[in-house]
Every structure is written in structure tokens, then in C-alpha cells.
């Protein structure tokens, strides 16, 4: 009876985790609507979506080898479909150089490396050992990709601005990590539970920094080079689904005007000094 109750509770956490993770996977939709309307990927990068697809493929393979992990199968199947759609749209509208690099990465990582892992897991190990090896491989990859949010945390501290780190997203990523951690813990699956401990810690750090810097005075960053109109902020979620947020790098019009005014004033002062010197010299000559 107790075992049944635990399984029911784990299923409930898994359902909630699926719902929240679905929202996280769909978060980049506005980005791709923008790409579709502009017929250009601008300065957006495809790597986050390729990594998310690779992560979903690994977890899907792991879930298919395990028993009673239908919720893990459903969410990662959905993730594979969504990320593949994102990548396809990116390839269609990307510039030639970006398109070529994306296709190369897709073939080498999502096809080549995944196929290699699948073959090695199939022929070198078997049974429960195969599941364990693949599970820890998923953990290792998840830990690696979880390092990405450290960039956004560093940027928030440097700029004292949270405009690149939406609180709602940080909250749902943290909540997602809690759901999947509980799901993995109740099923006694450390491969699911462990990565989400790191996801939970990073989510808490994001919300803590939001509370600290939400009313802080923003520190202006250095000007970007001409042509760098956009930059992409990447946030990796607890399920390995990265979100990319475009930030317009608008030129500092007021700052430029002030510099121009200061230059003009300096020139006028210089002319006044030269006129005074000329007048003084003429007076000396007259004496």
C-alpha cells in the first residue's frame, strides 16, 4: 500500500514537471516568431537548441530503457519535436555561414555522437548496466550544460541589471527542478534527481540576484562594435531546455550628443584663448 502511494505521489510530481517543462520548452516561441517575420536569424545562435535536442534525445533513450517512466518519455519526445522545429526554422532563415555551421553541428553532435553512444551502449554493455551507464552519461551532460546560467548571473552582477533575467522564467525553472527532483527521488532514480539539485540551486541564485538588483542603479556596459545590434542571452532550464532572449544593443544617442556638445565647447574655448593671445601680442607690439 505504501509503495502504491509513493508511486502515485511520484506520478503527480511527474505530471506537474511535464506541465512546467512544456512551458519552458515553448518559451522561445516569440523568438522564432520574430525570426519568421524578419526572415532572418540576426545574431541568434543555434547551439542552445542543438544542445537541448541532444539532451532530450539522451533522456528519451534512457527513459525507453527504464520501466515506468512514461512521463519522462512524453516530455522528452515533446522536447525532441519542439527543438527539431526550432532548428529547422533556424536553418531556413539563417545566413549561409550560420546555416552551414548549424548543419555541421547537427550532423556531428545530434547524429554522429548520439549514434556512437547508442552503438557503444548497445554492444559493450547490457541489461541493467546499460541503463546505469546511460543514466550517468545523462547526468554528466546535464551538469555540463547547467554551467551556462553562470554567464547570466555574472552579467547581472556586473551590470546590476536584471532585464536579461526574467523572474518568471527563473521561478518556473526552479519549480521544474523541484518537481523532477521529487519525481526522481520517489522513484529512487538518482540520475533524474541529482542534476535537478544543481538546477534548483541555480534557480534560487537567479531569484536571489533578482531580489538584490531589481531596484539597483544600472551600470552601463561598454559600447559594442558597429554591426553588433543584438546579443543573445542563454538560460538553461532544469530539463536542459535553453531559452534565448534577444537584447537590442541600441546606440547611446544622448551620450553621443553630450560628447559632441563637449567637443564643440572645447573648440570654442580654444578659439577664445587664441584670440586673447593674439590680442595680447598685438598690445605688446604696440608698446
Protein backbone atom coordinates (compact mmCIF):
# COMPACT_ATOMS: atom_id res chain seq x y z
CA UNK A 1 0.00 0.00 0.00
CA UNK A 2 2.85 2.35 0.92
CA UNK A 3 4.65 1.55 -2.33
CA UNK A 4 1.50 2.32 -4.31
CA UNK A 5 1.11 5.65 -2.52
CA UNK A 6 4.73 6.56 -3.30
CA UNK A 7 4.23 5.70 -6.97
CA UNK A 8 1.05 7.80 -7.09
CA UNK A 9 2.88 10.72 -5.50
CA UNK A 10 5.78 10.35 -7.92
CA UNK A 11 3.30 10.31 -10.81
CA UNK A 12 1.71 13.53 -9.51
CA UNK A 13 5.11 15.24 -9.32
CA UNK A 14 5.90 13.95 -12.81
CA UNK A 15 2.66 15.39 -14.21
CA UNK A 16 3.45 18.79 -12.71
CA UNK A 17 7.01 18.52 -14.01
CA UNK A 18 5.67 17.77 -17.50
CA UNK A 19 3.37 20.80 -17.46
CA UNK A 20 6.08 23.19 -16.27
CA UNK A 21 8.70 21.74 -18.62
CA UNK A 22 6.30 22.14 -21.54
CA UNK A 23 6.02 25.84 -20.73
CA UNK A 24 9.82 26.08 -20.61
CA UNK A 25 10.19 24.35 -23.98
CA UNK A 26 7.68 26.74 -25.54
CA UNK A 27 9.32 29.87 -24.09
CA UNK A 28 11.46 30.55 -27.25
CA UNK A 29 8.35 30.70 -29.48
CA UNK A 30 8.35 34.56 -29.54
CA UNK A 31 11.98 34.45 -30.66
CA UNK A 32 11.12 32.27 -33.66
CA UNK A 33 8.04 34.34 -34.48
CA UNK A 34 10.42 37.28 -34.68
CA UNK A 35 12.79 35.28 -36.92
CA UNK A 36 9.89 34.26 -39.17
CA UNK A 37 8.62 37.83 -39.52
CA UNK A 38 12.06 39.30 -40.21
CA UNK A 39 13.12 36.35 -42.40
CA UNK A 40 16.45 36.46 -40.60
CA UNK A 41 18.05 34.85 -37.54
CA UNK A 42 20.01 38.08 -36.91
CA UNK A 43 22.63 37.37 -34.21
CA UNK A 44 20.80 34.46 -32.58
CA UNK A 45 22.82 31.28 -32.06
CA UNK A 46 21.66 27.75 -32.85
CA UNK A 47 23.89 25.96 -30.31
CA UNK A 48 21.43 26.16 -27.38
CA UNK A 49 18.73 24.42 -29.43
CA UNK A 50 21.15 21.78 -30.70
CA UNK A 51 22.23 21.08 -27.10
CA UNK A 52 18.62 20.92 -25.95
CA UNK A 53 17.80 18.45 -28.72
CA UNK A 54 20.81 16.30 -27.81
CA UNK A 55 19.81 16.33 -24.14
CA UNK A 56 16.21 15.35 -24.97
CA UNK A 57 17.43 12.52 -27.21
CA UNK A 58 19.69 11.13 -24.47
CA UNK A 59 16.99 11.30 -21.80
CA UNK A 60 14.45 9.78 -24.18
CA UNK A 61 16.73 6.82 -24.88
CA UNK A 62 17.36 6.43 -21.14
CA UNK A 63 13.63 6.58 -20.36
CA UNK A 64 12.83 3.97 -23.01
CA UNK A 65 15.28 1.55 -21.39
CA UNK A 66 13.76 2.10 -17.95
CA UNK A 67 10.40 0.83 -16.71
CA UNK A 68 7.52 3.01 -15.54
CA UNK A 69 8.97 6.24 -16.89
CA UNK A 70 6.20 7.16 -19.33
CA UNK A 71 6.23 10.78 -18.12
CA UNK A 72 9.92 11.08 -18.89
CA UNK A 73 9.26 9.62 -22.34
CA UNK A 74 6.43 12.04 -23.10
CA UNK A 75 8.20 15.25 -22.09
CA UNK A 76 11.43 14.39 -23.90
CA UNK A 77 9.54 13.25 -27.00
CA UNK A 78 7.82 16.64 -26.96
CA UNK A 79 11.20 18.29 -26.44
CA UNK A 80 12.70 16.50 -29.45
CA UNK A 81 9.81 17.63 -31.68
CA UNK A 82 9.91 21.24 -30.48
CA UNK A 83 13.70 21.62 -30.67
CA UNK A 84 13.80 20.00 -34.12
CA UNK A 85 11.20 22.52 -35.28
CA UNK A 86 13.26 25.40 -33.88
CA UNK A 87 16.41 24.14 -35.61
CA UNK A 88 14.59 23.67 -38.92
CA UNK A 89 13.29 27.25 -38.81
CA UNK A 90 16.76 28.48 -37.92
CA UNK A 91 18.35 26.67 -40.87
CA UNK A 92 15.76 28.09 -43.28
CA UNK A 93 16.29 31.74 -42.28
CA UNK A 94 19.96 31.73 -41.21
CA UNK A 95 22.74 33.32 -43.25
CA UNK A 96 24.85 30.92 -45.30
CA UNK A 97 27.72 30.73 -42.79
CA UNK A 98 25.41 30.16 -39.81
CA UNK A 99 23.37 27.63 -41.77
CA UNK A 100 26.45 25.61 -42.70
CA UNK A 101 27.83 25.61 -39.13
CA UNK A 102 24.41 24.59 -37.74
CA UNK A 103 24.11 21.69 -40.17
CA UNK A 104 27.66 20.55 -39.35
CA UNK A 105 26.92 20.59 -35.62
CA UNK A 106 23.61 18.81 -36.17
CA UNK A 107 25.30 16.03 -38.13
CA UNK A 108 28.35 15.68 -35.86
CA UNK A 109 26.68 16.01 -32.44
CA UNK A 110 22.99 15.12 -32.75
CA UNK A 111 23.51 12.37 -35.32
CA UNK A 112 27.13 11.25 -35.10
CA UNK A 113 27.83 11.45 -31.37
CA UNK A 114 24.38 10.21 -30.39
CA UNK A 115 24.67 7.25 -32.78
CA UNK A 116 28.10 6.44 -31.33
CA UNK A 117 26.71 6.49 -27.78
CA UNK A 118 23.77 4.33 -28.85
CA UNK A 119 26.04 1.74 -30.53
CA UNK A 120 28.54 1.60 -27.66
CA UNK A 121 25.75 1.27 -25.10
CA UNK A 122 24.13 -1.49 -27.14
CA UNK A 123 27.19 -3.61 -27.91
CA UNK A 124 29.56 -3.01 -24.97
CA UNK A 125 27.12 -3.20 -22.05
CA UNK A 126 23.84 -4.94 -21.49
CA UNK A 127 20.85 -5.12 -19.18
CA UNK A 128 20.84 -3.03 -16.02
CA UNK A 129 24.46 -1.97 -16.56
CA UNK A 130 23.47 -0.30 -19.83
CA UNK A 131 20.76 1.69 -18.08
CA UNK A 132 23.17 2.81 -15.35
CA UNK A 133 25.90 3.82 -17.81
CA UNK A 134 23.46 5.79 -19.95
CA UNK A 135 21.88 7.37 -16.86
CA UNK A 136 25.21 8.65 -15.55
CA UNK A 137 26.08 9.85 -19.02
CA UNK A 138 22.86 11.91 -18.96
CA UNK A 139 23.85 13.25 -15.54
CA UNK A 140 27.32 14.25 -16.79
CA UNK A 141 25.88 16.06 -19.80
CA UNK A 142 23.24 17.80 -17.69
CA UNK A 143 25.87 19.04 -15.23
CA UNK A 144 27.92 20.42 -18.13
CA UNK A 145 25.02 22.34 -19.68
CA UNK A 146 23.89 23.62 -16.28
CA UNK A 147 27.09 25.68 -16.14
CA UNK A 148 25.66 28.01 -18.81
CA UNK A 149 23.43 30.06 -16.44
CA UNK A 150 26.58 31.19 -14.63
CA UNK A 151 27.14 33.60 -17.53
CA UNK A 152 23.83 35.37 -16.95
CA UNK A 153 24.49 35.51 -13.19
CA UNK A 154 27.87 37.11 -13.87
CA UNK A 155 26.28 39.63 -16.21
CA UNK A 156 23.60 40.58 -13.66
CA UNK A 157 26.27 41.25 -11.03
CA UNK A 158 28.41 43.25 -13.48
CA UNK A 159 25.62 45.41 -14.89
CA UNK A 160 23.46 45.50 -11.73
CA UNK A 161 20.50 44.92 -14.05
CA UNK A 162 18.03 42.02 -14.16
CA UNK A 163 16.48 42.92 -17.52
CA UNK A 164 18.21 39.89 -19.10
CA UNK A 165 16.96 37.51 -16.38
CA UNK A 166 13.13 37.42 -16.18
CA UNK A 167 11.92 36.49 -12.71
CA UNK A 168 9.00 34.43 -14.06
CA UNK A 169 11.32 32.20 -16.06
CA UNK A 170 13.71 31.76 -13.11
CA UNK A 171 10.75 30.85 -10.90
CA UNK A 172 9.39 28.22 -13.28
CA UNK A 173 12.85 26.74 -13.88
CA UNK A 174 13.30 26.39 -10.12
CA UNK A 175 9.83 24.88 -9.75
CA UNK A 176 10.55 22.47 -12.59
CA UNK A 177 13.77 21.36 -10.87
CA UNK A 178 11.84 20.71 -7.64
CA UNK A 179 9.21 18.61 -9.43
CA UNK A 180 11.73 16.45 -11.28
CA UNK A 181 13.93 16.08 -8.21
CA UNK A 182 10.96 14.81 -6.21
CA UNK A 183 9.97 12.52 -9.09
CA UNK A 184 13.45 11.02 -9.29
CA UNK A 185 13.81 10.74 -5.51
CA UNK A 186 10.49 8.95 -5.06
CA UNK A 187 11.39 6.52 -7.83
CA UNK A 188 14.87 6.14 -6.29
CA UNK A 189 16.44 7.23 -9.57
CA UNK A 190 19.50 9.34 -8.75
CA UNK A 191 20.16 10.00 -12.43
CA UNK A 192 16.96 12.06 -12.56
CA UNK A 193 17.23 13.58 -9.08
CA UNK A 194 20.90 14.68 -8.96
CA UNK A 195 21.02 17.10 -11.94
CA UNK A 196 17.95 18.90 -10.66
CA UNK A 197 19.67 19.65 -7.35
CA UNK A 198 22.05 21.85 -9.33
CA UNK A 199 19.12 23.27 -11.31
CA UNK A 200 17.33 24.13 -8.06
CA UNK A 201 20.43 25.87 -6.62
CA UNK A 202 20.96 27.91 -9.79
CA UNK A 203 17.28 28.84 -9.87
CA UNK A 204 17.43 30.08 -6.28
CA UNK A 205 20.56 32.11 -7.08
CA UNK A 206 18.79 33.72 -10.03
CA UNK A 207 15.80 34.72 -7.88
CA UNK A 208 18.10 35.94 -5.10
CA UNK A 209 20.02 38.15 -7.53
CA UNK A 210 16.73 39.41 -8.92
CA UNK A 211 15.68 40.48 -5.43
CA UNK A 212 19.03 42.21 -4.83
CA UNK A 213 19.38 44.05 -8.15
CA UNK A 214 15.81 44.68 -9.29
CA UNK A 215 15.90 48.27 -7.94
CA UNK A 216 19.64 48.82 -8.26
CA UNK A 217 21.04 51.58 -10.46
CA UNK A 218 22.06 50.09 -13.78
CA UNK A 219 25.73 50.16 -14.77
CA UNK A 220 26.19 50.87 -18.48
CA UNK A 221 28.29 48.34 -20.35
CA UNK A 222 30.94 49.23 -22.91
CA UNK A 223 29.80 50.10 -26.40
CA UNK A 224 29.66 47.32 -28.92
CA UNK A 225 31.36 47.29 -32.27
CA UNK A 226 29.39 48.59 -35.27
CA UNK A 227 27.10 45.93 -36.68
CA UNK A 228 26.60 44.13 -33.36
CA UNK A 229 22.97 45.11 -32.98
CA UNK A 230 21.84 42.13 -30.95
CA UNK A 231 23.17 39.73 -28.43
CA UNK A 232 21.64 36.50 -27.18
CA UNK A 233 21.21 35.72 -23.52
CA UNK A 234 21.03 31.98 -22.88
CA UNK A 235 19.40 30.45 -19.84
CA UNK A 236 19.41 26.69 -19.45
CA UNK A 237 16.50 25.19 -17.63
CA UNK A 238 16.25 22.29 -15.25
CA UNK A 239 15.23 19.96 -18.07
CA UNK A 240 18.07 21.13 -20.29
CA UNK A 241 15.87 23.39 -22.41
CA UNK A 242 17.72 26.64 -23.04
CA UNK A 243 15.90 29.92 -23.61
CA UNK A 244 17.41 32.66 -25.74
CA UNK A 245 16.39 36.24 -25.18
CA UNK A 246 17.26 38.97 -27.69
CA UNK A 247 18.60 42.20 -26.29
CA UNK A 248 18.87 45.25 -28.52
CA UNK A 249 22.26 46.88 -28.26
CA UNK A 250 20.99 50.37 -29.02
CA UNK A 251 23.50 53.15 -29.56
CA UNK A 252 23.77 55.74 -26.79
CA UNK A 253 22.27 58.70 -28.61
CA UNK A 254 22.24 61.02 -25.60
CA UNK A 255 25.77 60.12 -24.65
CA UNK A 256 26.93 60.81 -28.19
CA UNK A 257 25.17 64.18 -28.17
CA UNK A 258 26.79 65.13 -24.90
CA UNK A 259 30.23 64.19 -26.22
CA UNK A 260 29.55 66.28 -29.32
CA UNK A 261 28.49 69.28 -27.20
CA UNK A 262 31.59 68.95 -25.05
CA UNK A 263 33.79 68.87 -28.16
CA UNK A 264 32.14 71.98 -29.56
CA UNK A 265 32.58 73.79 -26.23
CA UNK A 266 36.25 72.81 -26.13
CA UNK A 267 36.75 74.16 -29.65
CA UNK A 268 35.07 77.46 -28.74
CA UNK A 269 37.24 77.79 -25.61
CA UNK A 270 40.33 77.11 -27.69
CA UNK A 271 39.34 79.79 -30.20
CA UNK A 272 38.70 82.30 -27.37
CA UNK A 273 42.13 81.59 -25.87
CA UNK A 274 43.83 82.01 -29.25
CA UNK A 275 42.01 85.33 -29.78
CA UNK A 276 43.10 86.53 -26.34
CA UNK A 277 46.70 85.58 -27.05
CA UNK A 278 46.63 87.38 -30.40
CA UNK A 279 45.20 90.49 -28.74
CA UNK A 280 47.86 90.36 -26.02
CA UNK A 281 50.65 90.01 -28.57
CA UNK A 282 49.32 92.95 -30.57
CA UNK A 283 49.22 95.07 -27.40
CA UNK A 284 52.82 94.12 -26.55
CA UNK A 285 53.96 95.08 -30.04
CA UNK A 286 52.23 98.42 -29.74
CA UNK A 287 54.16 99.18 -26.55
